[in-house]
Protein backbone atom coordinates (compact mmCIF):
# COMPACT_ATOMS: atom_id res chain seq x y z
CA MET A 1 -88.38 -18.02 75.41
CA THR A 2 -91.23 -20.24 74.24
CA THR A 3 -91.01 -19.88 70.48
CA LEU A 4 -90.92 -23.27 68.78
CA GLN A 5 -88.89 -24.03 65.72
CA HIS A 6 -90.74 -23.67 62.43
CA PRO A 7 -93.66 -26.04 63.00
CA ARG A 8 -94.37 -29.19 61.06
CA PRO A 9 -97.89 -30.47 60.56
CA VAL A 10 -97.07 -33.70 62.35
CA ALA A 11 -93.99 -34.63 64.36
CA THR A 12 -93.63 -38.34 65.01
CA ALA A 13 -91.00 -40.83 65.98
CA THR A 14 -88.25 -41.44 63.39
CA PRO A 15 -86.35 -44.65 62.50
CA ASP A 16 -83.32 -43.26 64.37
CA GLY A 17 -85.37 -42.87 67.54
CA PRO A 18 -88.16 -40.41 68.36
CA LEU A 19 -85.90 -37.80 69.97
CA ALA A 20 -83.58 -37.63 66.95
CA ASP A 21 -85.98 -35.15 65.35
CA PRO A 22 -85.27 -31.75 66.97
CA VAL A 23 -88.87 -30.55 66.55
CA PHE A 24 -90.20 -33.71 68.17
CA ALA A 25 -87.61 -33.50 70.93
CA GLU A 26 -88.48 -29.88 71.69
CA ARG A 27 -92.19 -30.62 71.90
CA TYR A 28 -91.63 -33.76 73.95
CA ARG A 29 -89.60 -31.76 76.50
CA ALA A 30 -92.40 -29.19 76.76
CA MET A 31 -94.98 -31.94 77.22
CA SER A 32 -92.86 -33.79 79.80
CA ALA A 33 -92.52 -30.56 81.81
CA LYS A 34 -96.32 -30.03 81.70
CA ASP A 35 -95.50 -26.55 80.42
CA ALA A 36 -98.77 -24.62 80.05
CA ARG A 37 -97.04 -21.96 77.92
CA PHE A 38 -97.32 -24.33 74.95
CA ASP A 39 -101.04 -25.05 75.36
CA GLY A 40 -102.73 -24.24 72.06
CA GLN A 41 -99.44 -24.14 70.14
CA PHE A 42 -99.51 -27.86 69.42
CA ILE A 43 -101.45 -30.98 70.38
CA THR A 44 -100.12 -34.21 71.84
CA GLY A 45 -101.58 -37.39 70.33
CA VAL A 46 -101.17 -40.56 72.40
CA HIS A 47 -101.82 -43.57 70.19
CA THR A 48 -101.89 -46.19 72.97
CA THR A 49 -104.88 -44.49 74.59
CA GLY A 50 -106.42 -43.03 71.44
CA ILE A 51 -106.66 -39.51 72.86
CA TYR A 52 -105.09 -36.11 72.22
CA CYS A 53 -104.16 -33.65 74.97
CA ARG A 54 -102.82 -30.19 75.61
CA PRO A 55 -99.07 -30.21 76.47
CA SER A 56 -99.77 -29.42 80.14
CA CYS A 57 -102.14 -32.39 80.65
CA PRO A 58 -101.46 -33.82 84.14
CA ALA A 59 -101.68 -37.43 82.91
CA VAL A 60 -98.63 -39.70 83.10
CA THR A 61 -96.11 -38.79 80.39
CA PRO A 62 -96.33 -41.35 77.56
CA LYS A 63 -93.28 -42.95 76.00
CA PRO A 64 -91.87 -41.08 72.99
CA GLY A 65 -92.64 -43.91 70.59
CA ASN A 66 -96.35 -43.68 71.44
CA VAL A 67 -96.65 -39.95 70.71
CA SER A 68 -97.31 -37.77 67.68
CA PHE A 69 -97.62 -33.98 67.70
CA TYR A 70 -100.22 -32.11 65.64
CA LEU A 71 -100.81 -28.46 64.84
CA THR A 72 -104.61 -28.76 64.77
CA ALA A 73 -107.35 -30.73 66.48
CA ALA A 74 -108.62 -31.68 63.01
CA ALA A 75 -105.37 -33.49 62.25
CA ALA A 76 -105.72 -35.44 65.50
CA HIS A 77 -109.31 -36.31 64.59
CA GLU A 78 -108.16 -37.50 61.17
CA ALA A 79 -105.67 -39.78 62.95
CA GLY A 80 -108.55 -41.37 64.85
CA LEU A 81 -107.92 -39.67 68.18
CA ARG A 82 -110.49 -38.12 70.55
CA ALA A 83 -110.18 -35.17 72.90
CA CYS A 84 -108.99 -35.80 76.45
CA LYS A 85 -111.82 -35.40 78.96
CA ARG A 86 -109.36 -34.46 81.68
CA CYS A 87 -107.48 -31.53 80.14
CA LEU A 88 -109.96 -30.32 77.46
CA PRO A 89 -107.33 -29.46 74.82
CA ASP A 90 -109.58 -27.05 72.94
CA ALA A 91 -110.33 -24.92 76.04
CA VAL A 92 -107.03 -23.03 75.76
CA PRO A 93 -105.74 -19.97 73.88
CA GLY A 94 -105.44 -20.57 70.16
CA SER A 95 -102.26 -21.00 68.18
CA PRO A 96 -100.28 -17.82 67.46
CA GLU A 97 -99.06 -19.44 64.22
CA TRP A 98 -101.93 -18.08 62.13
CA ASN A 99 -100.76 -14.51 62.75
CA ILE A 100 -97.03 -15.22 62.63
CA ARG A 101 -97.32 -17.05 59.34
CA ASP A 102 -98.67 -15.34 56.23
CA ASP A 103 -98.83 -18.34 53.91
CA LEU A 104 -101.87 -20.04 52.36
CA ALA A 105 -102.42 -22.37 55.31
CA ALA A 106 -102.41 -19.53 57.85
CA ARG A 107 -104.73 -17.38 55.74
CA ALA A 108 -107.11 -20.31 55.37
CA MET A 109 -107.12 -20.96 59.11
CA ARG A 110 -108.02 -17.34 59.83
CA LEU A 111 -110.99 -17.55 57.46
CA ILE A 112 -112.10 -20.95 58.77
CA ALA A 113 -112.13 -19.57 62.32
CA ASP A 114 -114.32 -16.72 61.08
CA GLY A 115 -116.91 -19.22 59.81
CA THR A 116 -116.29 -18.84 56.07
CA VAL A 117 -116.81 -22.56 55.32
CA GLU A 118 -120.17 -22.55 57.13
CA ARG A 119 -121.35 -19.52 55.14
CA GLU A 120 -119.74 -20.09 51.72
CA GLY A 121 -118.56 -23.70 51.67
CA VAL A 122 -115.12 -24.91 50.62
CA PRO A 123 -115.51 -23.43 47.08
CA GLY A 124 -116.16 -20.01 48.66
CA LEU A 125 -113.12 -20.37 50.91
CA ALA A 126 -110.94 -21.37 47.97
CA HIS A 127 -112.23 -18.48 45.87
CA ARG A 128 -111.38 -15.97 48.61
CA LEU A 129 -107.86 -17.36 48.75
CA GLY A 130 -107.43 -17.42 44.96
CA TYR A 131 -106.98 -21.18 44.51
CA THR A 132 -109.02 -24.17 43.38
CA PRO A 133 -110.67 -26.30 46.06
CA ARG A 134 -108.50 -29.26 45.02
CA HIS A 135 -105.26 -27.32 45.42
CA LEU A 136 -106.40 -25.84 48.74
CA ASN A 137 -107.26 -29.30 50.06
CA ARG A 138 -103.87 -30.62 48.95
CA VAL A 139 -101.94 -27.78 50.63
CA LEU A 140 -103.86 -27.87 53.91
CA THR A 141 -103.60 -31.65 54.17
CA ALA A 142 -99.85 -31.48 53.60
CA GLU A 143 -99.28 -28.50 55.92
CA LEU A 144 -101.80 -29.12 58.70
CA GLY A 145 -102.70 -32.78 58.47
CA ALA A 146 -106.33 -32.15 57.50
CA GLY A 147 -108.31 -30.61 54.64
CA PRO A 148 -110.66 -27.61 54.89
CA LEU A 149 -113.77 -29.69 55.61
CA ALA A 150 -112.07 -31.51 58.47
CA LEU A 151 -110.66 -28.25 59.85
CA ALA A 152 -114.10 -26.62 59.71
CA ARG A 153 -115.67 -29.68 61.33
CA ALA A 154 -113.23 -29.50 64.24
CA HIS A 155 -113.97 -25.80 64.61
CA ARG A 156 -117.72 -26.51 64.67
CA ALA A 157 -117.19 -29.08 67.41
CA GLN A 158 -115.21 -26.59 69.49
CA THR A 159 -117.88 -23.91 69.00
CA ALA A 160 -120.57 -26.38 70.03
CA ARG A 161 -118.64 -27.35 73.18
CA LEU A 162 -118.31 -23.65 74.03
CA LEU A 163 -122.10 -23.24 73.72
CA LEU A 164 -122.85 -26.43 75.64
CA THR A 165 -120.61 -25.45 78.55
CA GLY A 166 -121.25 -21.70 78.52
CA SER A 167 -124.95 -21.38 77.78
CA ASP A 168 -128.35 -22.88 78.48
CA LEU A 169 -129.46 -22.86 74.85
CA PRO A 170 -131.46 -25.93 73.85
CA ILE A 171 -129.17 -28.59 72.42
CA THR A 172 -130.94 -28.48 69.05
CA ASP A 173 -130.24 -24.74 68.84
CA VAL A 174 -126.62 -25.38 69.74
CA ALA A 175 -126.29 -27.78 66.82
CA PHE A 176 -127.40 -25.29 64.20
CA ALA A 177 -125.69 -22.34 65.87
CA ALA A 178 -122.36 -24.15 65.65
CA GLY A 179 -122.86 -24.71 61.92
CA PHE A 180 -124.00 -28.33 61.76
CA ARG A 181 -126.48 -29.20 59.04
CA SER A 182 -128.50 -31.62 61.15
CA VAL A 183 -128.88 -32.77 64.74
CA ARG A 184 -127.77 -36.25 63.69
CA GLN A 185 -124.52 -34.90 62.23
CA PHE A 186 -124.01 -32.87 65.40
CA ASN A 187 -124.52 -35.84 67.72
CA GLU A 188 -122.24 -38.09 65.68
CA THR A 189 -119.44 -35.51 65.53
CA MET A 190 -119.55 -34.66 69.23
CA SER A 191 -119.57 -38.31 70.22
CA GLU A 192 -116.68 -39.06 67.87
CA VAL A 193 -114.54 -36.10 68.97
CA TYR A 194 -115.27 -36.09 72.71
CA ARG A 195 -116.64 -39.61 73.32
CA LEU A 196 -119.53 -37.93 75.10
CA THR A 197 -123.02 -37.01 74.03
CA PRO A 198 -123.86 -33.29 73.89
CA GLY A 199 -126.02 -33.70 76.99
CA ALA A 200 -123.18 -35.35 78.88
CA ILE A 201 -120.79 -32.55 77.90
CA ARG A 202 -123.24 -30.00 79.30
CA THR A 203 -123.76 -31.96 82.52
CA ALA A 204 -120.03 -32.43 83.08
CA ALA A 205 -119.38 -28.69 82.72
CA ARG A 206 -121.46 -27.84 85.82
CA ARG A 207 -122.10 -24.44 84.35
CA SER A 208 -123.80 -21.68 86.28
CA PRO A 209 -127.51 -21.30 85.46
CA ALA A 210 -128.88 -18.76 83.01
CA ALA A 211 -125.59 -18.24 81.19
CA ALA A 212 -127.64 -17.53 78.10
CA HIS A 213 -131.14 -16.15 77.67
CA ARG A 214 -133.32 -14.94 74.88
CA GLU A 215 -134.69 -11.45 74.43
CA PRO A 216 -137.08 -10.67 71.57
CA GLY A 217 -134.99 -10.91 68.42
CA THR A 218 -131.69 -11.57 70.24
CA VAL A 219 -129.72 -14.24 72.04
CA SER A 220 -127.53 -13.22 74.98
CA LEU A 221 -124.44 -15.25 75.87
CA SER A 222 -121.78 -15.06 78.56
CA LEU A 223 -118.46 -16.66 77.71
CA ARG A 224 -114.98 -16.78 79.22
CA LEU A 225 -112.17 -16.51 76.65
CA PRO A 226 -108.71 -17.66 77.82
CA ALA A 227 -105.60 -15.63 77.02
CA ARG A 228 -101.94 -16.63 77.00
CA ALA A 229 -99.95 -15.16 79.89
CA PRO A 230 -98.57 -12.60 80.42
CA PHE A 231 -101.49 -10.48 79.27
CA ASP A 232 -101.60 -6.69 79.63
CA GLY A 233 -105.31 -6.52 78.99
CA ALA A 234 -105.69 -3.11 80.60
CA SER A 235 -103.52 -1.45 77.96
CA VAL A 236 -105.40 -2.88 74.97
CA LEU A 237 -108.78 -2.02 76.52
CA GLY A 238 -107.42 1.45 77.26
CA PHE A 239 -106.32 1.85 73.63
CA LEU A 240 -109.83 0.99 72.45
CA ALA A 241 -111.49 3.20 75.09
CA ALA A 242 -109.43 6.24 74.09
CA ARG A 243 -110.71 5.91 70.51
CA ALA A 244 -114.33 5.02 71.34
CA ILE A 245 -116.94 6.46 68.96
CA ASP A 246 -119.98 7.85 70.76
CA GLY A 247 -123.15 5.93 70.00
CA MET A 248 -121.38 2.67 69.08
CA GLU A 249 -118.65 2.26 71.72
CA THR A 250 -118.24 2.94 75.43
CA ALA A 251 -115.88 1.93 78.22
CA GLY A 252 -115.65 1.89 81.99
CA ALA A 253 -114.05 4.87 83.69
CA ASP A 254 -111.32 2.65 85.12
CA GLY A 255 -110.58 1.00 81.77
CA ALA A 256 -111.55 -2.41 83.13
CA TRP A 257 -114.19 -3.00 80.46
CA TYR A 258 -115.10 -1.98 76.92
CA ALA A 259 -118.32 -2.44 74.95
CA ARG A 260 -119.38 -1.80 71.36
CA THR A 261 -121.76 -2.63 68.56
CA LEU A 262 -120.56 -4.62 65.59
CA ARG A 263 -121.89 -6.00 62.34
CA LEU A 264 -121.78 -9.80 62.01
CA PRO A 265 -122.75 -12.00 59.02
CA HIS A 266 -126.33 -12.51 60.22
CA GLY A 267 -127.03 -9.17 61.89
CA PRO A 268 -125.90 -6.63 64.49
CA ALA A 269 -124.52 -7.53 67.90
CA VAL A 270 -123.34 -5.91 71.12
CA VAL A 271 -120.33 -7.19 73.04
CA ARG A 272 -118.94 -6.23 76.43
CA LEU A 273 -115.37 -7.28 77.29
CA ALA A 274 -113.92 -7.25 80.80
CA LEU A 275 -110.72 -8.57 82.33
CA ALA A 276 -111.00 -11.82 84.26
CA GLY A 277 -108.88 -14.71 85.46
CA THR A 278 -105.50 -14.43 87.20
CA ALA A 279 -102.03 -13.29 86.20
CA ALA A 280 -101.03 -16.90 85.60
CA ALA A 281 -104.25 -17.81 83.79
CA PRO A 282 -105.68 -14.59 82.35
CA ALA A 283 -109.02 -14.47 80.58
CA VAL A 284 -111.60 -12.07 79.20
CA GLN A 285 -115.25 -12.18 80.18
CA CYS A 286 -117.26 -11.77 76.98
CA ASP A 287 -120.95 -10.90 77.32
CA ALA A 288 -122.71 -10.63 73.98
CA SER A 289 -126.17 -10.09 72.53
CA LEU A 290 -126.54 -11.49 69.01
CA ALA A 291 -129.27 -11.17 66.40
CA ASP A 292 -128.50 -14.79 65.42
CA VAL A 293 -126.62 -17.31 67.55
CA ALA A 294 -125.07 -18.67 64.33
CA ASP A 295 -122.75 -15.66 64.59
CA LEU A 296 -121.08 -16.98 67.73
CA ALA A 297 -118.05 -18.45 65.94
CA PRO A 298 -117.17 -15.29 64.00
CA LEU A 299 -117.84 -13.19 67.11
CA VAL A 300 -115.38 -15.23 69.21
CA ALA A 301 -112.78 -15.25 66.43
CA ARG A 302 -113.02 -11.47 65.99
CA VAL A 303 -112.90 -10.73 69.71
CA ARG A 304 -109.82 -12.93 70.09
CA ARG A 305 -108.18 -11.02 67.24
CA LEU A 306 -109.31 -7.64 68.61
CA LEU A 307 -107.53 -8.30 71.92
CA ASP A 308 -104.70 -10.42 70.44
CA LEU A 309 -105.45 -13.16 72.98
CA ASP A 310 -103.43 -15.86 71.22
CA ALA A 311 -100.08 -14.03 71.06
CA ASP A 312 -97.06 -15.84 72.52
CA ALA A 313 -96.29 -12.93 74.84
CA GLU A 314 -93.44 -14.64 76.67
CA ALA A 315 -91.54 -15.28 73.45
CA ILE A 316 -92.21 -11.71 72.27
CA ASP A 317 -91.05 -10.14 75.51
CA ALA A 318 -87.89 -12.26 75.58
CA VAL A 319 -86.78 -10.98 72.16
CA LEU A 320 -87.62 -7.34 72.90
CA ALA A 321 -86.06 -7.37 76.38
CA ALA A 322 -82.75 -8.42 74.83
CA ASP A 323 -82.45 -4.83 73.57
CA PRO A 324 -81.28 -2.67 76.53
CA ALA A 325 -83.29 0.27 75.17
CA LEU A 326 -86.58 -1.68 75.43
CA ALA A 327 -85.83 -3.85 78.46
CA PRO A 328 -87.18 -1.40 81.09
CA SER A 329 -90.43 -0.93 79.15
CA VAL A 330 -90.88 -4.69 78.74
CA ALA A 331 -90.29 -5.20 82.46
CA ALA A 332 -92.79 -2.46 83.32
CA ALA A 333 -95.49 -3.66 80.89
CA PRO A 334 -95.11 -7.38 80.13
CA GLY A 335 -97.58 -8.92 77.71
CA LEU A 336 -98.48 -5.88 75.60
CA ARG A 337 -100.93 -6.79 72.84
CA VAL A 338 -101.47 -5.38 69.33
CA PRO A 339 -105.09 -4.14 69.09
CA GLY A 340 -106.87 -5.91 66.25
CA ALA A 341 -110.21 -5.43 64.51
CA VAL A 342 -113.77 -6.73 64.53
CA ASP A 343 -114.55 -4.95 61.23
CA ALA A 344 -111.83 -4.70 58.60
CA GLU A 345 -113.46 -1.91 56.58
CA GLU A 346 -113.98 0.16 59.73
CA ILE A 347 -110.22 0.08 60.42
CA VAL A 348 -109.49 1.44 56.94
CA PHE A 349 -111.69 4.49 57.55
CA ARG A 350 -110.33 4.95 61.07
CA ALA A 351 -106.81 5.02 59.60
CA LEU A 352 -107.68 7.42 56.79
CA ILE A 353 -109.56 9.84 59.03
CA GLY A 354 -107.11 9.57 61.90
CA GLN A 355 -103.85 10.07 60.04
CA GLN A 356 -102.02 13.33 60.77
CA VAL A 357 -104.56 14.45 63.41
CA SER A 358 -104.79 13.88 67.16
CA VAL A 359 -106.70 10.96 68.68
CA ALA A 360 -109.31 13.40 70.02
CA ALA A 361 -109.80 15.06 66.63
CA ALA A 362 -110.12 11.68 64.90
CA ARG A 363 -112.65 10.55 67.48
CA THR A 364 -114.75 13.68 66.91
CA ALA A 365 -114.70 13.23 63.12
CA LEU A 366 -115.56 9.53 63.33
CA THR A 367 -118.40 10.21 65.76
CA ARG A 368 -119.85 12.79 63.37
CA LEU A 369 -119.56 10.36 60.45
CA THR A 370 -121.15 7.50 62.39
CA ASP A 371 -123.97 9.65 63.73
CA ALA A 372 -124.82 10.85 60.22
CA LEU A 373 -124.37 7.69 58.17
CA GLY A 374 -124.36 4.74 60.58
CA GLU A 375 -127.25 2.28 60.63
CA ARG A 376 -129.67 3.19 63.39
CA LEU A 377 -130.40 0.69 66.14
CA ASP A 378 -131.46 0.56 69.76
CA LEU A 379 -129.45 -1.99 71.74
CA PRO A 380 -128.81 -1.84 75.48
CA VAL A 381 -125.40 -0.85 76.84
CA PRO A 382 -124.31 -3.11 79.70
CA GLY A 383 -124.60 -0.99 82.82
CA GLY A 384 -127.19 1.41 81.41
CA GLY A 385 -127.98 3.49 78.35
CA ALA A 386 -128.30 2.38 74.76
CA PHE A 387 -126.22 2.10 71.62
CA THR A 388 -127.70 4.00 68.71
CA ARG A 389 -125.46 3.26 65.72
CA LEU A 390 -123.40 0.75 63.79
CA PHE A 391 -120.32 2.03 61.99
CA PRO A 392 -121.37 3.18 58.50
CA THR A 393 -120.90 0.85 55.57
CA ALA A 394 -118.55 1.64 52.69
CA ALA A 395 -121.60 2.07 50.45
CA ALA A 396 -123.07 4.71 52.77
CA ILE A 397 -119.78 6.60 52.93
CA ALA A 398 -119.38 6.44 49.14
CA GLU A 399 -122.89 7.82 48.63
CA ARG A 400 -123.07 10.56 51.28
CA GLY A 401 -119.61 10.92 52.74
CA ARG A 402 -118.85 14.23 51.04
CA ASP A 403 -121.77 15.81 52.91
CA VAL A 404 -120.25 14.88 56.26
CA LEU A 405 -116.46 14.70 55.94
CA ARG A 406 -114.37 17.78 56.69
CA GLY A 407 -110.78 18.62 55.86
CA PRO A 408 -108.52 18.97 52.83
CA ALA A 409 -110.16 18.06 49.53
CA ARG A 410 -107.47 15.53 48.66
CA ARG A 411 -108.03 13.64 51.91
CA VAL A 412 -111.81 13.62 51.41
CA ASP A 413 -111.29 12.40 47.83
CA ALA A 414 -109.07 9.58 49.11
CA ILE A 415 -111.67 8.47 51.66
CA ILE A 416 -114.49 8.52 49.10
CA GLY A 417 -112.29 6.69 46.58
CA VAL A 418 -111.60 3.88 49.05
CA ALA A 419 -115.30 3.71 49.97
CA GLU A 420 -116.27 3.40 46.30
CA ALA A 421 -113.66 0.69 45.72
CA LEU A 422 -114.91 -1.31 48.71
CA ALA A 423 -118.58 -0.83 47.86
CA GLY A 424 -118.01 -1.79 44.22
CA GLY A 425 -115.97 -4.90 45.05
CA ARG A 426 -112.74 -3.59 43.46
CA LEU A 427 -111.07 -3.66 46.88
CA ARG A 428 -111.47 -6.44 49.43
CA ILE A 429 -110.04 -6.41 52.92
CA ASP A 430 -110.34 -9.40 55.24
CA VAL A 431 -108.26 -11.77 57.35
CA GLY A 432 -107.70 -14.07 54.36
CA GLU A 433 -105.35 -11.58 52.70
CA SER A 434 -101.58 -11.74 52.75
CA ARG A 435 -99.80 -8.70 54.13
CA ASP A 436 -97.91 -7.91 50.92
CA ASP A 437 -101.00 -8.18 48.71
CA LEU A 438 -103.10 -6.08 51.09
CA GLU A 439 -100.53 -3.31 51.37
CA GLN A 440 -99.90 -3.22 47.61
CA ARG A 441 -103.61 -2.96 46.78
CA LEU A 442 -104.11 -0.20 49.33
CA MET A 443 -101.11 1.84 48.19
CA ALA A 444 -102.30 1.59 44.58
CA LEU A 445 -105.22 3.83 45.59
CA PRO A 446 -104.79 7.63 45.59
CA GLY A 447 -104.07 9.11 49.01
CA ILE A 448 -102.88 5.93 50.71
CA GLY A 449 -99.24 5.69 51.69
CA PRO A 450 -97.06 3.21 53.58
CA TRP A 451 -98.22 4.35 57.04
CA THR A 452 -101.92 3.81 56.31
CA ALA A 453 -101.33 0.49 54.53
CA GLY A 454 -99.07 -0.74 57.33
CA TYR A 455 -101.51 0.34 60.05
CA VAL A 456 -104.38 -1.48 58.34
CA ALA A 457 -102.30 -4.66 57.99
CA LEU A 458 -101.28 -4.34 61.64
CA ARG A 459 -104.87 -4.09 62.88
CA VAL A 460 -106.74 -6.31 60.40
CA LEU A 461 -104.25 -9.15 59.91
CA GLY A 462 -102.56 -8.95 63.30
CA SER A 463 -99.22 -8.93 61.47
CA PRO A 464 -96.58 -9.15 64.21
CA ASP A 465 -93.63 -7.64 62.32
CA ILE A 466 -94.68 -4.13 61.18
CA LEU A 467 -92.75 -1.10 62.44
CA LEU A 468 -94.50 2.14 61.45
CA THR A 469 -91.37 4.27 61.16
CA GLY A 470 -93.42 7.02 59.50
CA ASP A 471 -95.44 7.54 62.69
CA LEU A 472 -94.41 10.74 64.49
CA ALA A 473 -95.46 9.60 67.97
CA LEU A 474 -93.59 6.33 67.53
CA ARG A 475 -90.42 8.18 66.51
CA GLN A 476 -90.78 10.54 69.47
CA GLY A 477 -91.03 7.53 71.75
CA ALA A 478 -87.91 6.08 70.15
CA ALA A 479 -86.02 9.31 70.84
CA ARG A 480 -87.05 9.24 74.50
CA LEU A 481 -85.57 5.73 74.77
CA GLY A 482 -82.32 6.83 73.17
CA LEU A 483 -83.05 5.14 69.84
CA PRO A 484 -82.71 6.65 66.35
CA ALA A 485 -85.62 8.98 65.66
CA ASP A 486 -85.27 9.17 61.87
CA PRO A 487 -87.21 6.59 59.83
CA ARG A 488 -84.16 4.97 58.23
CA GLY A 489 -82.13 4.77 61.42
CA LEU A 490 -85.08 3.41 63.40
CA ALA A 491 -85.80 0.79 60.72
CA GLU A 492 -82.16 -0.36 60.79
CA HIS A 493 -82.10 -0.61 64.58
CA GLY A 494 -85.52 -2.26 64.63
CA ALA A 495 -84.30 -5.19 62.51
CA ARG A 496 -83.09 -6.80 65.74
CA TRP A 497 -86.69 -6.92 67.00
CA ALA A 498 -87.92 -9.19 64.18
CA PRO A 499 -90.29 -10.97 63.98
CA TRP A 500 -91.98 -8.88 66.70
CA ARG A 501 -91.56 -5.32 65.47
CA SER A 502 -95.29 -4.59 65.82
CA TYR A 503 -94.96 -5.18 69.57
CA ALA A 504 -91.79 -3.10 69.75
CA GLY A 505 -93.82 -0.27 68.20
CA LEU A 506 -96.29 -0.51 71.11
CA HIS A 507 -93.45 0.05 73.55
CA LEU A 508 -92.27 3.05 71.54
CA TRP A 509 -95.81 4.48 71.54
CA ARG A 510 -95.95 3.84 75.28
CA ALA A 511 -92.77 5.88 75.76
């Protein structure tokens, strides 16, 4: 089991000896073993060399007194450290902490990864979270070792490195695409963080030619996104393929790839996702066409959340396999992932339209809605054909939804009511919400119950500990595994699966 104890922002040597601190000792053992399972979960800072590394870095293990552990690259930067050129500590799966935790720091990290600071500044980030910028800075510095500006700066540097190594975009374009305000700021940051110029980073990567090219009005990129093993990518792509909406989504016949349109802050985009890598080092090949390359950071963050690439699957499977009822399913399908979302509002309407009907019926209704109200476009589908629609906005559904939606009047009223609340700003749904607040606001609206609120939190926030006991298919799966099939009995039994009940639910659905 790879779950760490509750993380601290910085773990350093203590007066009683560095290994007297159990958190430090645990991380030092993982680092000494070069254990790649912990890559992305924390960072090793080596003060004698002035660098920070991933735990599996092949360099000689430093003495405990020369080491500090950090949760974020920004905290290591603030300590005056630079990224290791040998192990590239930011070229690994991200930390699962920001889904496991639901506190202010985790919510802020999810929004920072989505590019909120670049678009709205620190005041905008603080406003979304419901705090003053000063309080937010104080909390993040105490919890993560760096304030929001430093965290956003580190994220910009990582995005820029991704573009430098995975594309042939001009370096000036890379600077602004990553969110830097000037080329000078870009050059100074990259040199400070990596001790290399942007040009040297690109040369050292030895990338394949033509990884990015420009079409009229678009920028096309090809990126490789690492996942944490084990990774059952086929199941999550299959889940998305089974629910694909004609005109905006498609998938390969063998379930090996999935493509869709999506709406990003600066315009529409198309993304194609395919399995890559090996069982020991899984990855997803991400080919995207963007209206504006400045949307790269939110695109990558949303794709990682959609496929749950950062989950600590080994820790999850270890807890679930301890239950004899789930052990055979875990052994048969290690590394199941919770499907996430690239568009929070879209998931709300998928949940409302899909509740109490079959997957096929929901897909038909959503296709009809998208065809009637979705924004028209003409973007190529990888492999042939063209996408014709984006998913309709809440404003479009509020205005014309009654002309398209079918079914009981109360359900249609509920859908229109949610659309009006979203369009009017009375309801907000994004990754910066806490689970409790999100569920309470949703259930305060007519027609939304615990199942819908829980499903939205599961998909939008990636909450790992939601068991949808009101779901009929999930309860039928529980019965087939010899588990209680009534909501109360299943909830009581499921307490032993915490904090991974969302993943247990996937195994019940699978049954």
